[in-house]
């Protein structure tokens, strides 16, 4: 895939970046180089290769999945101007 000057200017406009004609020509070459590299990566056979989470093999830290309410209801509504049974009270705005 090759990017032309009109595409570079359109992408710059969509990104709301002011690009001069000289900068657009430079970006055209850079974008074509990047797309060429991506095309090379698409040619690599990765079937049978598992995805990695890191370049270093490590076990992720996990915590026990325990349901708890945190016992913080009083702390959560402590600074509210009005509360009732651990709920925030707000003025009625819809009739």
C-alpha atoms as a PDB file:
ATOM      1  CA  UNK A   1       0.000   0.000   0.000  1.00  0.00           C
ATOM      2  CA  UNK A   2       1.293   3.432  -0.864  1.00  0.00           C
ATOM      3  CA  UNK A   3       0.216   6.764   0.584  1.00  0.00           C
ATOM      4  CA  UNK A   4      -0.049   9.723  -1.774  1.00  0.00           C
ATOM      5  CA  UNK A   5       0.233  13.417  -0.931  1.00  0.00           C
ATOM      6  CA  UNK A   6      -3.550  13.915  -0.929  1.00  0.00           C
ATOM      7  CA  UNK A   7      -3.984  11.140   1.656  1.00  0.00           C
ATOM      8  CA  UNK A   8      -1.321  12.666   3.907  1.00  0.00           C
ATOM      9  CA  UNK A   9      -3.065  16.046   3.759  1.00  0.00           C
ATOM     10  CA  UNK A  10      -6.462  14.454   4.433  1.00  0.00           C
ATOM     11  CA  UNK A  11      -5.142  12.559   7.471  1.00  0.00           C
ATOM     12  CA  UNK A  12      -3.510  15.756   8.739  1.00  0.00           C
ATOM     13  CA  UNK A  13      -6.799  17.612   8.329  1.00  0.00           C
ATOM     14  CA  UNK A  14      -8.728  14.886  10.163  1.00  0.00           C
ATOM     15  CA  UNK A  15      -6.145  15.002  12.962  1.00  0.00           C
ATOM     16  CA  UNK A  16      -6.409  18.802  12.938  1.00  0.00           C
ATOM     17  CA  UNK A  17      -2.688  19.202  12.331  1.00  0.00           C
ATOM     18  CA  UNK A  18      -1.434  22.074  10.196  1.00  0.00           C
ATOM     19  CA  UNK A  19       0.975  20.612   7.637  1.00  0.00           C
ATOM     20  CA  UNK A  20       2.818  22.557   4.948  1.00  0.00           C
ATOM     21  CA  UNK A  21       3.435  21.056   1.507  1.00  0.00           C
ATOM     22  CA  UNK A  22       7.085  20.420   2.385  1.00  0.00           C
ATOM     23  CA  UNK A  23       6.153  18.681   5.637  1.00  0.00           C
ATOM     24  CA  UNK A  24       3.496  16.635   3.835  1.00  0.00           C
ATOM     25  CA  UNK A  25       6.057  15.354   1.330  1.00  0.00           C
ATOM     26  CA  UNK A  26       8.376  14.337   4.184  1.00  0.00           C
ATOM     27  CA  UNK A  27       5.503  12.647   6.028  1.00  0.00           C
ATOM     28  CA  UNK A  28       4.513  10.815   2.845  1.00  0.00           C
ATOM     29  CA  UNK A  29       7.910   9.129   2.723  1.00  0.00           C
ATOM     30  CA  UNK A  30       7.824   8.326   6.450  1.00  0.00           C
ATOM     31  CA  UNK A  31       4.321   6.851   6.265  1.00  0.00           C
ATOM     32  CA  UNK A  32       5.233   4.736   3.241  1.00  0.00           C
ATOM     33  CA  UNK A  33       8.287   3.418   5.129  1.00  0.00           C
ATOM     34  CA  UNK A  34       6.097   2.508   8.133  1.00  0.00           C
ATOM     35  CA  UNK A  35       3.504   0.803   5.928  1.00  0.00           C
ATOM     36  CA  UNK A  36       6.261  -1.134   4.162  1.00  0.00           C
ATOM     37  CA  UNK A  37       7.476  -2.413   7.522  1.00  0.00           C
ATOM     38  CA  UNK A  38       3.916  -3.449   8.461  1.00  0.00           C
ATOM     39  CA  UNK A  39       3.620  -5.330   5.167  1.00  0.00           C
ATOM     40  CA  UNK A  40       6.836  -7.208   6.025  1.00  0.00           C
ATOM     41  CA  UNK A  41       5.363  -8.137   9.416  1.00  0.00           C
ATOM     42  CA  UNK A  42       2.226  -9.471   7.710  1.00  0.00           C
ATOM     43  CA  UNK A  43       4.385 -11.931   5.759  1.00  0.00           C
ATOM     44  CA  UNK A  44       5.691 -13.608   8.930  1.00  0.00           C
ATOM     45  CA  UNK A  45       4.045 -16.945   9.794  1.00  0.00           C
ATOM     46  CA  UNK A  46       2.917 -16.688  13.430  1.00  0.00           C
ATOM     47  CA  UNK A  47       0.670 -19.735  13.509  1.00  0.00           C
ATOM     48  CA  UNK A  48       1.301 -21.717  16.670  1.00  0.00           C
ATOM     49  CA  UNK A  49       2.931 -18.784  18.470  1.00  0.00           C
ATOM     50  CA  UNK A  50       1.155 -17.878  21.703  1.00  0.00           C
ATOM     51  CA  UNK A  51       0.602 -14.207  22.533  1.00  0.00           C
ATOM     52  CA  UNK A  52       2.922 -12.771  25.171  1.00  0.00           C
ATOM     53  CA  UNK A  53       2.117 -10.408  28.011  1.00  0.00           C
ATOM     54  CA  UNK A  54       5.775  -9.525  28.462  1.00  0.00           C
ATOM     55  CA  UNK A  55       9.160 -10.241  26.922  1.00  0.00           C
ATOM     56  CA  UNK A  56      10.122 -11.876  30.218  1.00  0.00           C
ATOM     57  CA  UNK A  57       8.236 -14.993  31.258  1.00  0.00           C
ATOM     58  CA  UNK A  58       6.540 -14.216  34.550  1.00  0.00           C
ATOM     59  CA  UNK A  59       3.466 -15.149  36.520  1.00  0.00           C
ATOM     60  CA  UNK A  60       0.972 -12.328  36.937  1.00  0.00           C
ATOM     61  CA  UNK A  61       0.128 -11.342  40.495  1.00  0.00           C
ATOM     62  CA  UNK A  62      -3.439 -12.238  41.312  1.00  0.00           C
ATOM     63  CA  UNK A  63      -5.584 -11.633  44.338  1.00  0.00           C
ATOM     64  CA  UNK A  64      -8.382 -13.813  45.625  1.00  0.00           C
ATOM     65  CA  UNK A  65     -11.701 -12.917  44.024  1.00  0.00           C
ATOM     66  CA  UNK A  66     -13.688 -12.243  47.181  1.00  0.00           C
ATOM     67  CA  UNK A  67     -16.938 -10.298  47.258  1.00  0.00           C
ATOM     68  CA  UNK A  68     -17.002  -7.638  49.951  1.00  0.00           C
ATOM     69  CA  UNK A  69     -18.825  -4.361  50.371  1.00  0.00           C
ATOM     70  CA  UNK A  70     -15.751  -2.738  51.855  1.00  0.00           C
ATOM     71  CA  UNK A  71     -17.653  -1.531  54.921  1.00  0.00           C
ATOM     72  CA  UNK A  72     -17.083   2.042  53.767  1.00  0.00           C
ATOM     73  CA  UNK A  73     -20.639   3.294  53.299  1.00  0.00           C
ATOM     74  CA  UNK A  74     -20.256   5.813  56.131  1.00  0.00           C
ATOM     75  CA  UNK A  75     -16.950   7.089  54.715  1.00  0.00           C
ATOM     76  CA  UNK A  76     -18.394   7.469  51.216  1.00  0.00           C
ATOM     77  CA  UNK A  77     -21.304   9.687  52.242  1.00  0.00           C
ATOM     78  CA  UNK A  78     -19.425  11.505  55.023  1.00  0.00           C
ATOM     79  CA  UNK A  79     -19.014  14.773  53.063  1.00  0.00           C
ATOM     80  CA  UNK A  80     -22.409  14.741  51.366  1.00  0.00           C
ATOM     81  CA  UNK A  81     -24.710  17.625  52.290  1.00  0.00           C
ATOM     82  CA  UNK A  82     -27.698  15.274  52.715  1.00  0.00           C
ATOM     83  CA  UNK A  83     -27.886  11.498  53.106  1.00  0.00           C
ATOM     84  CA  UNK A  84     -30.406   8.862  54.075  1.00  0.00           C
ATOM     85  CA  UNK A  85     -29.561   5.197  54.777  1.00  0.00           C
ATOM     86  CA  UNK A  86     -26.130   5.565  53.086  1.00  0.00           C
ATOM     87  CA  UNK A  87     -27.654   7.112  49.941  1.00  0.00           C
ATOM     88  CA  UNK A  88     -26.970  10.593  48.568  1.00  0.00           C
ATOM     89  CA  UNK A  89     -29.993  12.900  48.748  1.00  0.00           C
ATOM     90  CA  UNK A  90     -30.369  15.344  45.855  1.00  0.00           C
ATOM     91  CA  UNK A  91     -33.047  17.917  45.089  1.00  0.00           C
ATOM     92  CA  UNK A  92     -35.815  16.836  42.743  1.00  0.00           C
ATOM     93  CA  UNK A  93     -35.342  18.497  39.360  1.00  0.00           C
ATOM     94  CA  UNK A  94     -37.847  16.601  37.201  1.00  0.00           C
ATOM     95  CA  UNK A  95     -41.541  16.963  37.832  1.00  0.00           C
END
